[in-house]
């Protein structure tokens, strides 16, 4: 017979973790999948991660703004990221160490 703790499952959702019983985690996972949220389950470890929808991820990413910085090009001319706001920029970075 399982102890009460063995029947518990850890759900990671919205950055927090909570312990729920087996029936509750199954229902939460089903609701998340219906809502278009990715669900990752490790039954052996009794843990599940409920991700955010693709639309929520897109909204968060579209609202991010990179911090401004200034770097020289190969000819020594200074370029600031803010000079290119609203345009796509490909930044290639490398290190020689």
PDB file of N, CA and C in Angstrom:
ATOM      1  N   UNK A   1       0.840  -1.186   0.000  1.00  0.00           N
ATOM      2  CA  UNK A   1       0.000   0.000   0.000  1.00  0.00           C
ATOM      3  C   UNK A   1       0.885   1.250   0.000  1.00  0.00           C
ATOM      4  N   UNK A   2       0.515   2.211  -0.834  1.00  0.00           N
ATOM      5  CA  UNK A   2       1.298   3.448  -0.940  1.00  0.00           C
ATOM      6  C   UNK A   2       1.009   4.385   0.217  1.00  0.00           C
ATOM      7  N   UNK A   3       2.057   5.108   0.619  1.00  0.00           N
ATOM      8  CA  UNK A   3       1.850   6.137   1.642  1.00  0.00           C
ATOM      9  C   UNK A   3       1.204   7.338   0.964  1.00  0.00           C
ATOM     10  N   UNK A   4       0.599   8.257   1.730  1.00  0.00           N
ATOM     11  CA  UNK A   4      -0.016   9.452   1.128  1.00  0.00           C
ATOM     12  C   UNK A   4       0.964  10.254   0.292  1.00  0.00           C
ATOM     13  N   UNK A   5       2.239  10.306   0.701  1.00  0.00           N
ATOM     14  CA  UNK A   5       3.226  11.061  -0.074  1.00  0.00           C
ATOM     15  C   UNK A   5       3.512  10.417  -1.419  1.00  0.00           C
ATOM     16  N   UNK A   6       3.420   9.093  -1.516  1.00  0.00           N
ATOM     17  CA  UNK A   6       3.665   8.425  -2.788  1.00  0.00           C
ATOM     18  C   UNK A   6       2.558   8.697  -3.784  1.00  0.00           C
ATOM     19  N   UNK A   7       1.392   9.101  -3.322  1.00  0.00           N
ATOM     20  CA  UNK A   7       0.286   9.423  -4.216  1.00  0.00           C
ATOM     21  C   UNK A   7       0.339  10.866  -4.699  1.00  0.00           C
ATOM     22  N   UNK A   8       1.274  11.652  -4.176  1.00  0.00           N
ATOM     23  CA  UNK A   8       1.371  13.060  -4.555  1.00  0.00           C
ATOM     24  C   UNK A   8       2.208  13.222  -5.819  1.00  0.00           C
ATOM     25  N   UNK A   9       1.903  14.271  -6.544  1.00  0.00           N
ATOM     26  CA  UNK A   9       2.573  14.584  -7.796  1.00  0.00           C
ATOM     27  C   UNK A   9       2.953  16.052  -7.746  1.00  0.00           C
ATOM     28  N   UNK A  10       4.150  16.409  -8.229  1.00  0.00           N
ATOM     29  CA  UNK A  10       4.581  17.797  -8.263  1.00  0.00           C
ATOM     30  C   UNK A  10       4.211  18.393  -9.615  1.00  0.00           C
ATOM     31  N   UNK A  11       3.484  19.502  -9.591  1.00  0.00           N
ATOM     32  CA  UNK A  11       3.106  20.234 -10.796  1.00  0.00           C
ATOM     33  C   UNK A  11       3.875  21.547 -10.796  1.00  0.00           C
ATOM     34  N   UNK A  12       4.589  21.819 -11.880  1.00  0.00           N
ATOM     35  CA  UNK A  12       5.300  23.091 -12.036  1.00  0.00           C
ATOM     36  C   UNK A  12       4.509  23.913 -13.045  1.00  0.00           C
ATOM     37  N   UNK A  13       3.973  25.038 -12.575  1.00  0.00           N
ATOM     38  CA  UNK A  13       3.098  25.871 -13.404  1.00  0.00           C
ATOM     39  C   UNK A  13       3.277  27.324 -12.984  1.00  0.00           C
ATOM     40  N   UNK A  14       3.401  28.221 -13.950  1.00  0.00           N
ATOM     41  CA  UNK A  14       3.566  29.651 -13.678  1.00  0.00           C
ATOM     42  C   UNK A  14       4.733  29.937 -12.741  1.00  0.00           C
ATOM     43  N   UNK A  15       5.806  29.177 -12.882  1.00  0.00           N
ATOM     44  CA  UNK A  15       7.007  29.422 -12.096  1.00  0.00           C
ATOM     45  C   UNK A  15       6.975  28.872 -10.685  1.00  0.00           C
ATOM     46  N   UNK A  16       5.867  28.277 -10.310  1.00  0.00           N
ATOM     47  CA  UNK A  16       5.778  27.724  -8.964  1.00  0.00           C
ATOM     48  C   UNK A  16       5.513  26.234  -9.002  1.00  0.00           C
ATOM     49  N   UNK A  17       5.837  25.567  -7.925  1.00  0.00           N
ATOM     50  CA  UNK A  17       5.607  24.126  -7.827  1.00  0.00           C
ATOM     51  C   UNK A  17       4.595  23.872  -6.726  1.00  0.00           C
ATOM     52  N   UNK A  18       3.718  22.915  -6.977  1.00  0.00           N
ATOM     53  CA  UNK A  18       2.759  22.533  -5.948  1.00  0.00           C
ATOM     54  C   UNK A  18       2.575  21.026  -5.961  1.00  0.00           C
ATOM     55  N   UNK A  19       2.196  20.510  -4.825  1.00  0.00           N
ATOM     56  CA  UNK A  19       1.956  19.080  -4.661  1.00  0.00           C
ATOM     57  C   UNK A  19       0.457  18.839  -4.785  1.00  0.00           C
ATOM     58  N   UNK A  20       0.091  17.926  -5.660  1.00  0.00           N
ATOM     59  CA  UNK A  20      -1.319  17.594  -5.842  1.00  0.00           C
ATOM     60  C   UNK A  20      -1.470  16.083  -5.874  1.00  0.00           C
ATOM     61  N   UNK A  21      -2.690  15.614  -5.664  1.00  0.00           N
ATOM     62  CA  UNK A  21      -2.919  14.177  -5.733  1.00  0.00           C
ATOM     63  C   UNK A  21      -3.000  13.724  -7.190  1.00  0.00           C
ATOM     64  N   UNK A  22      -3.018  12.429  -7.370  1.00  0.00           N
ATOM     65  CA  UNK A  22      -2.948  11.846  -8.714  1.00  0.00           C
ATOM     66  C   UNK A  22      -4.110  12.279  -9.606  1.00  0.00           C
ATOM     67  N   UNK A  23      -5.301  12.295  -9.059  1.00  0.00           N
ATOM     68  CA  UNK A  23      -6.471  12.689  -9.855  1.00  0.00           C
ATOM     69  C   UNK A  23      -6.382  14.151 -10.279  1.00  0.00           C
ATOM     70  N   UNK A  24      -5.934  15.014  -9.377  1.00  0.00           N
ATOM     71  CA  UNK A  24      -5.824  16.439  -9.674  1.00  0.00           C
ATOM     72  C   UNK A  24      -4.796  16.708 -10.760  1.00  0.00           C
ATOM     73  N   UNK A  25      -3.612  16.073 -10.679  1.00  0.00           N
ATOM     74  CA  UNK A  25      -2.596  16.353 -11.697  1.00  0.00           C
ATOM     75  C   UNK A  25      -3.043  15.873 -13.060  1.00  0.00           C
ATOM     76  N   UNK A  26      -3.779  14.762 -13.110  1.00  0.00           N
ATOM     77  CA  UNK A  26      -4.283  14.262 -14.396  1.00  0.00           C
ATOM     78  C   UNK A  26      -5.250  15.269 -15.000  1.00  0.00           C
ATOM     79  N   UNK A  27      -6.151  15.807 -14.191  1.00  0.00           N
ATOM     80  CA  UNK A  27      -7.109  16.803 -14.686  1.00  0.00           C
ATOM     81  C   UNK A  27      -6.405  18.086 -15.129  1.00  0.00           C
ATOM     82  N   UNK A  28      -5.412  18.544 -14.348  1.00  0.00           N
ATOM     83  CA  UNK A  28      -4.668  19.749 -14.720  1.00  0.00           C
ATOM     84  C   UNK A  28      -3.932  19.562 -16.047  1.00  0.00           C
ATOM     85  N   UNK A  29      -3.325  18.402 -16.230  1.00  0.00           N
ATOM     86  CA  UNK A  29      -2.602  18.124 -17.474  1.00  0.00           C
ATOM     87  C   UNK A  29      -3.562  18.089 -18.660  1.00  0.00           C
ATOM     88  N   UNK A  30      -4.734  17.485 -18.484  1.00  0.00           N
ATOM     89  CA  UNK A  30      -5.728  17.438 -19.567  1.00  0.00           C
ATOM     90  C   UNK A  30      -6.207  18.835 -19.929  1.00  0.00           C
ATOM     91  N   UNK A  31      -6.497  19.658 -18.919  1.00  0.00           N
ATOM     92  CA  UNK A  31      -6.949  21.029 -19.181  1.00  0.00           C
ATOM     93  C   UNK A  31      -5.868  21.844 -19.884  1.00  0.00           C
ATOM     94  N   UNK A  32      -4.620  21.653 -19.480  1.00  0.00           N
ATOM     95  CA  UNK A  32      -3.518  22.388 -20.110  1.00  0.00           C
ATOM     96  C   UNK A  32      -3.392  22.002 -21.582  1.00  0.00           C
ATOM     97  N   UNK A  33      -3.484  20.710 -21.880  1.00  0.00           N
ATOM     98  CA  UNK A  33      -3.384  20.264 -23.277  1.00  0.00           C
ATOM     99  C   UNK A  33      -4.527  20.806 -24.118  1.00  0.00           C
ATOM    100  N   UNK A  34      -5.733  20.818 -23.578  1.00  0.00           N
ATOM    101  CA  UNK A  34      -6.890  21.355 -24.302  1.00  0.00           C
ATOM    102  C   UNK A  34      -6.690  22.844 -24.586  1.00  0.00           C
ATOM    103  N   UNK A  35      -6.040  23.543 -23.670  1.00  0.00           N
ATOM    104  CA  UNK A  35      -5.795  24.977 -23.831  1.00  0.00           C
ATOM    105  C   UNK A  35      -4.606  25.266 -24.746  1.00  0.00           C
ATOM    106  N   UNK A  36      -3.965  24.223 -25.283  1.00  0.00           N
ATOM    107  CA  UNK A  36      -2.833  24.434 -26.185  1.00  0.00           C
ATOM    108  C   UNK A  36      -1.512  24.642 -25.474  1.00  0.00           C
ATOM    109  N   UNK A  37      -1.446  24.256 -24.222  1.00  0.00           N
ATOM    110  CA  UNK A  37      -0.209  24.387 -23.460  1.00  0.00           C
ATOM    111  C   UNK A  37       0.572  23.090 -23.544  1.00  0.00           C
ATOM    112  N   UNK A  38       1.890  23.159 -23.765  1.00  0.00           N
ATOM    113  CA  UNK A  38       2.684  21.930 -23.762  1.00  0.00           C
ATOM    114  C   UNK A  38       2.754  21.355 -22.352  1.00  0.00           C
ATOM    115  N   UNK A  39       2.755  20.035 -22.278  1.00  0.00           N
ATOM    116  CA  UNK A  39       2.808  19.344 -20.997  1.00  0.00           C
ATOM    117  C   UNK A  39       3.940  18.325 -21.057  1.00  0.00           C
ATOM    118  N   UNK A  40       4.846  18.384 -20.088  1.00  0.00           N
ATOM    119  CA  UNK A  40       5.934  17.406 -19.987  1.00  0.00           C
ATOM    120  C   UNK A  40       5.743  16.654 -18.674  1.00  0.00           C
ATOM    121  N   UNK A  41       5.660  15.330 -18.786  1.00  0.00           N
ATOM    122  CA  UNK A  41       5.398  14.507 -17.610  1.00  0.00           C
ATOM    123  C   UNK A  41       6.504  13.474 -17.444  1.00  0.00           C
ATOM    124  N   UNK A  42       7.010  13.354 -16.225  1.00  0.00           N
ATOM    125  CA  UNK A  42       7.937  12.285 -15.867  1.00  0.00           C
ATOM    126  C   UNK A  42       7.245  11.476 -14.774  1.00  0.00           C
ATOM    127  N   UNK A  43       6.541  10.440 -15.199  1.00  0.00           N
ATOM    128  CA  UNK A  43       5.751   9.643 -14.262  1.00  0.00           C
ATOM    129  C   UNK A  43       6.625   8.957 -13.215  1.00  0.00           C
ATOM    130  N   UNK A  44       7.815   8.533 -13.606  1.00  0.00           N
ATOM    131  CA  UNK A  44       8.698   7.858 -12.659  1.00  0.00           C
ATOM    132  C   UNK A  44       9.105   8.787 -11.516  1.00  0.00           C
ATOM    133  N   UNK A  45       9.329  10.048 -11.826  1.00  0.00           N
ATOM    134  CA  UNK A  45       9.704  11.034 -10.806  1.00  0.00           C
ATOM    135  C   UNK A  45       8.490  11.729 -10.211  1.00  0.00           C
ATOM    136  N   UNK A  46       7.304  11.471 -10.777  1.00  0.00           N
ATOM    137  CA  UNK A  46       6.044  12.032 -10.308  1.00  0.00           C
ATOM    138  C   UNK A  46       6.059  13.561 -10.357  1.00  0.00           C
ATOM    139  N   UNK A  47       6.447  14.077 -11.535  1.00  0.00           N
ATOM    140  CA  UNK A  47       6.493  15.521 -11.734  1.00  0.00           C
ATOM    141  C   UNK A  47       5.982  15.846 -13.135  1.00  0.00           C
ATOM    142  N   UNK A  48       5.333  17.007 -13.268  1.00  0.00           N
ATOM    143  CA  UNK A  48       4.846  17.471 -14.565  1.00  0.00           C
ATOM    144  C   UNK A  48       5.082  18.968 -14.680  1.00  0.00           C
ATOM    145  N   UNK A  49       5.408  19.397 -15.884  1.00  0.00           N
ATOM    146  CA  UNK A  49       5.585  20.820 -16.177  1.00  0.00           C
ATOM    147  C   UNK A  49       4.489  21.234 -17.142  1.00  0.00           C
ATOM    148  N   UNK A  50       3.763  22.290 -16.808  1.00  0.00           N
ATOM    149  CA  UNK A  50       2.725  22.821 -17.678  1.00  0.00           C
ATOM    150  C   UNK A  50       3.258  24.110 -18.288  1.00  0.00           C
ATOM    151  N   UNK A  51       3.518  24.094 -19.585  1.00  0.00           N
ATOM    152  CA  UNK A  51       4.094  25.248 -20.261  1.00  0.00           C
ATOM    153  C   UNK A  51       3.050  26.289 -20.622  1.00  0.00           C
ATOM    154  N   UNK A  52       3.499  27.350 -21.245  1.00  0.00           N
ATOM    155  CA  UNK A  52       2.592  28.408 -21.693  1.00  0.00           C
ATOM    156  C   UNK A  52       2.265  28.198 -23.163  1.00  0.00           C
ATOM    157  N   UNK A  53       1.172  28.775 -23.616  1.00  0.00           N
ATOM    158  CA  UNK A  53       0.766  28.606 -25.011  1.00  0.00           C
ATOM    159  C   UNK A  53       1.746  29.317 -25.940  1.00  0.00           C
ATOM    160  N   UNK A  54       1.740  28.918 -27.186  1.00  0.00           N
ATOM    161  CA  UNK A  54       2.595  29.565 -28.187  1.00  0.00           C
ATOM    162  C   UNK A  54       2.240  31.048 -28.311  1.00  0.00           C
ATOM    163  N   UNK A  55       0.966  31.371 -28.231  1.00  0.00           N
ATOM    164  CA  UNK A  55       0.541  32.781 -28.315  1.00  0.00           C
ATOM    165  C   UNK A  55       1.099  33.583 -27.150  1.00  0.00           C
ATOM    166  N   UNK A  56       1.087  33.013 -25.953  1.00  0.00           N
ATOM    167  CA  UNK A  56       1.648  33.709 -24.788  1.00  0.00           C
ATOM    168  C   UNK A  56       3.151  33.908 -24.939  1.00  0.00           C
ATOM    169  N   UNK A  57       3.854  32.887 -25.459  1.00  0.00           N
ATOM    170  CA  UNK A  57       5.297  33.021 -25.681  1.00  0.00           C
ATOM    171  C   UNK A  57       5.576  34.100 -26.731  1.00  0.00           C
ATOM    172  N   UNK A  58       4.788  34.130 -27.794  1.00  0.00           N
ATOM    173  CA  UNK A  58       4.985  35.127 -28.853  1.00  0.00           C
ATOM    174  C   UNK A  58       4.759  36.540 -28.322  1.00  0.00           C
ATOM    175  N   UNK A  59       3.734  36.703 -27.497  1.00  0.00           N
ATOM    176  CA  UNK A  59       3.463  38.019 -26.919  1.00  0.00           C
ATOM    177  C   UNK A  59       4.619  38.469 -26.044  1.00  0.00           C
ATOM    178  N   UNK A  60       5.122  37.567 -25.221  1.00  0.00           N
ATOM    179  CA  UNK A  60       6.245  37.919 -24.341  1.00  0.00           C
ATOM    180  C   UNK A  60       7.482  38.274 -25.152  1.00  0.00           C
ATOM    181  N   UNK A  61       7.766  37.507 -26.190  1.00  0.00           N
ATOM    182  CA  UNK A  61       8.961  37.775 -26.994  1.00  0.00           C
ATOM    183  C   UNK A  61       8.834  39.056 -27.804  1.00  0.00           C
ATOM    184  N   UNK A  62       7.641  39.350 -28.307  1.00  0.00           N
ATOM    185  CA  UNK A  62       7.482  40.555 -29.127  1.00  0.00           C
ATOM    186  C   UNK A  62       7.590  41.822 -28.293  1.00  0.00           C
ATOM    187  N   UNK A  63       7.358  41.724 -26.995  1.00  0.00           N
ATOM    188  CA  UNK A  63       7.432  42.908 -26.150  1.00  0.00           C
ATOM    189  C   UNK A  63       8.840  43.142 -25.602  1.00  0.00           C
ATOM    190  N   UNK A  64       9.751  42.201 -25.815  1.00  0.00           N
ATOM    191  CA  UNK A  64      11.107  42.376 -25.304  1.00  0.00           C
ATOM    192  C   UNK A  64      11.887  43.348 -26.172  1.00  0.00           C
ATOM    193  N   UNK A  65      12.693  44.141 -25.541  1.00  0.00           N
ATOM    194  CA  UNK A  65      13.535  45.077 -26.279  1.00  0.00           C
ATOM    195  C   UNK A  65      14.972  44.898 -25.805  1.00  0.00           C
ATOM    196  N   UNK A  66      15.864  44.692 -26.744  1.00  0.00           N
ATOM    197  CA  UNK A  66      17.272  44.494 -26.399  1.00  0.00           C
ATOM    198  C   UNK A  66      17.854  45.800 -25.855  1.00  0.00           C
ATOM    199  N   UNK A  67      18.755  45.719 -24.904  1.00  0.00           N
ATOM    200  CA  UNK A  67      19.391  46.932 -24.393  1.00  0.00           C
ATOM    201  C   UNK A  67      20.309  47.528 -25.460  1.00  0.00           C
ATOM    202  N   UNK A  68      20.422  48.834 -25.460  1.00  0.00           N
ATOM    203  CA  UNK A  68      21.278  49.503 -26.440  1.00  0.00           C
ATOM    204  C   UNK A  68      22.748  49.267 -26.100  1.00  0.00           C
ATOM    205  N   UNK A  69      23.550  49.134 -27.140  1.00  0.00           N
ATOM    206  CA  UNK A  69      24.992  49.014 -26.976  1.00  0.00           C
ATOM    207  C   UNK A  69      25.646  49.555 -28.236  1.00  0.00           C
ATOM    208  N   UNK A  70      26.920  49.899 -28.135  1.00  0.00           N
ATOM    209  CA  UNK A  70      27.682  50.419 -29.263  1.00  0.00           C
ATOM    210  C   UNK A  70      28.941  49.593 -29.425  1.00  0.00           C
ATOM    211  N   UNK A  71      29.186  49.160 -30.660  1.00  0.00           N
ATOM    212  CA  UNK A  71      30.372  48.362 -30.975  1.00  0.00           C
ATOM    213  C   UNK A  71      30.974  48.840 -32.291  1.00  0.00           C
ATOM    214  N   UNK A  72      32.288  48.681 -32.459  1.00  0.00           N
ATOM    215  CA  UNK A  72      32.907  49.060 -33.734  1.00  0.00           C
ATOM    216  C   UNK A  72      32.774  47.935 -34.763  1.00  0.00           C
ATOM    217  N   UNK A  73      32.714  48.315 -36.045  1.00  0.00           N
ATOM    218  CA  UNK A  73      32.764  47.305 -37.104  1.00  0.00           C
ATOM    219  C   UNK A  73      34.230  47.043 -37.449  1.00  0.00           C
ATOM    220  N   UNK A  74      34.475  46.272 -38.499  1.00  0.00           N
ATOM    221  CA  UNK A  74      35.851  45.916 -38.850  1.00  0.00           C
ATOM    222  C   UNK A  74      36.698  47.109 -39.273  1.00  0.00           C
ATOM    223  N   UNK A  75      36.046  48.187 -39.729  1.00  0.00           N
ATOM    224  CA  UNK A  75      36.783  49.395 -40.100  1.00  0.00           C
ATOM    225  C   UNK A  75      36.906  50.392 -38.952  1.00  0.00           C
ATOM    226  N   UNK A  76      36.388  50.038 -37.783  1.00  0.00           N
ATOM    227  CA  UNK A  76      36.500  50.913 -36.623  1.00  0.00           C
ATOM    228  C   UNK A  76      35.339  51.882 -36.449  1.00  0.00           C
ATOM    229  N   UNK A  77      34.356  51.875 -37.364  1.00  0.00           N
ATOM    230  CA  UNK A  77      33.207  52.775 -37.233  1.00  0.00           C
ATOM    231  C   UNK A  77      32.282  52.249 -36.137  1.00  0.00           C
ATOM    232  N   UNK A  78      31.786  53.161 -35.301  1.00  0.00           N
ATOM    233  CA  UNK A  78      30.907  52.793 -34.200  1.00  0.00           C
ATOM    234  C   UNK A  78      29.470  52.614 -34.695  1.00  0.00           C
ATOM    235  N   UNK A  79      28.818  51.573 -34.206  1.00  0.00           N
ATOM    236  CA  UNK A  79      27.418  51.309 -34.530  1.00  0.00           C
ATOM    237  C   UNK A  79      26.677  51.028 -33.230  1.00  0.00           C
ATOM    238  N   UNK A  80      25.546  51.690 -33.055  1.00  0.00           N
ATOM    239  CA  UNK A  80      24.690  51.461 -31.887  1.00  0.00           C
ATOM    240  C   UNK A  80      23.462  50.689 -32.322  1.00  0.00           C
ATOM    241  N   UNK A  81      23.000  49.807 -31.477  1.00  0.00           N
ATOM    242  CA  UNK A  81      21.794  49.054 -31.778  1.00  0.00           C
ATOM    243  C   UNK A  81      20.606  49.994 -31.964  1.00  0.00           C
ATOM    244  N   UNK A  82      20.559  51.066 -31.195  1.00  0.00           N
ATOM    245  CA  UNK A  82      19.433  52.002 -31.292  1.00  0.00           C
ATOM    246  C   UNK A  82      19.342  52.647 -32.674  1.00  0.00           C
ATOM    247  N   UNK A  83      20.437  52.700 -33.428  1.00  0.00           N
ATOM    248  CA  UNK A  83      20.410  53.243 -34.787  1.00  0.00           C
ATOM    249  C   UNK A  83      19.588  52.354 -35.723  1.00  0.00           C
ATOM    250  N   UNK A  84      19.374  51.128 -35.324  1.00  0.00           N
ATOM    251  CA  UNK A  84      18.708  50.160 -36.189  1.00  0.00           C
ATOM    252  C   UNK A  84      17.344  49.728 -35.657  1.00  0.00           C
ATOM    253  N   UNK A  85      16.769  50.468 -34.710  1.00  0.00           N
ATOM    254  CA  UNK A  85      15.464  50.112 -34.150  1.00  0.00           C
ATOM    255  C   UNK A  85      14.433  49.978 -35.264  1.00  0.00           C
ATOM    256  N   UNK A  86      13.632  48.946 -35.172  1.00  0.00           N
ATOM    257  CA  UNK A  86      12.589  48.711 -36.167  1.00  0.00           C
ATOM    258  C   UNK A  86      13.053  47.882 -37.346  1.00  0.00           C
ATOM    259  N   UNK A  87      14.334  47.594 -37.408  1.00  0.00           N
ATOM    260  CA  UNK A  87      14.870  46.765 -38.490  1.00  0.00           C
ATOM    261  C   UNK A  87      15.497  45.519 -37.900  1.00  0.00           C
ATOM    262  N   UNK A  88      15.534  44.470 -38.696  1.00  0.00           N
ATOM    263  CA  UNK A  88      16.182  43.242 -38.239  1.00  0.00           C
ATOM    264  C   UNK A  88      17.686  43.427 -38.305  1.00  0.00           C
ATOM    265  N   UNK A  89      18.364  42.924 -37.278  1.00  0.00           N
ATOM    266  CA  UNK A  89      19.812  43.042 -37.175  1.00  0.00           C
ATOM    267  C   UNK A  89      20.396  41.662 -36.888  1.00  0.00           C
ATOM    268  N   UNK A  90      21.402  41.300 -37.641  1.00  0.00           N
ATOM    269  CA  UNK A  90      22.124  40.060 -37.381  1.00  0.00           C
ATOM    270  C   UNK A  90      23.433  40.436 -36.706  1.00  0.00           C
ATOM    271  N   UNK A  91      23.617  39.940 -35.504  1.00  0.00           N
ATOM    272  CA  UNK A  91      24.820  40.233 -34.747  1.00  0.00           C
ATOM    273  C   UNK A  91      25.619  38.948 -34.640  1.00  0.00           C
ATOM    274  N   UNK A  92      26.849  38.964 -35.143  1.00  0.00           N
ATOM    275  CA  UNK A  92      27.721  37.805 -35.054  1.00  0.00           C
ATOM    276  C   UNK A  92      28.781  38.141 -34.007  1.00  0.00           C
ATOM    277  N   UNK A  93      28.852  37.307 -32.987  1.00  0.00           N
ATOM    278  CA  UNK A  93      29.817  37.549 -31.912  1.00  0.00           C
ATOM    279  C   UNK A  93      30.711  36.324 -31.773  1.00  0.00           C
ATOM    280  N   UNK A  94      31.942  36.564 -31.457  1.00  0.00           N
ATOM    281  CA  UNK A  94      32.876  35.459 -31.237  1.00  0.00           C
ATOM    282  C   UNK A  94      33.909  35.906 -30.215  1.00  0.00           C
ATOM    283  N   UNK A  95      34.640  34.973 -29.711  1.00  0.00           N
ATOM    284  CA  UNK A  95      35.700  35.279 -28.762  1.00  0.00           C
ATOM    285  C   UNK A  95      36.944  34.509 -29.168  1.00  0.00           C
ATOM    286  N   UNK A  96      38.081  35.044 -28.847  1.00  0.00           N
ATOM    287  CA  UNK A  96      39.335  34.400 -29.255  1.00  0.00           C
ATOM    288  C   UNK A  96      40.048  33.714 -28.108  1.00  0.00           C
ATOM    289  N   UNK A  97      39.435  33.701 -26.940  1.00  0.00           N
ATOM    290  CA  UNK A  97      40.153  33.096 -25.818  1.00  0.00           C
ATOM    291  C   UNK A  97      40.122  31.638 -25.808  1.00  0.00           C
TER     292      UNK A  97
END
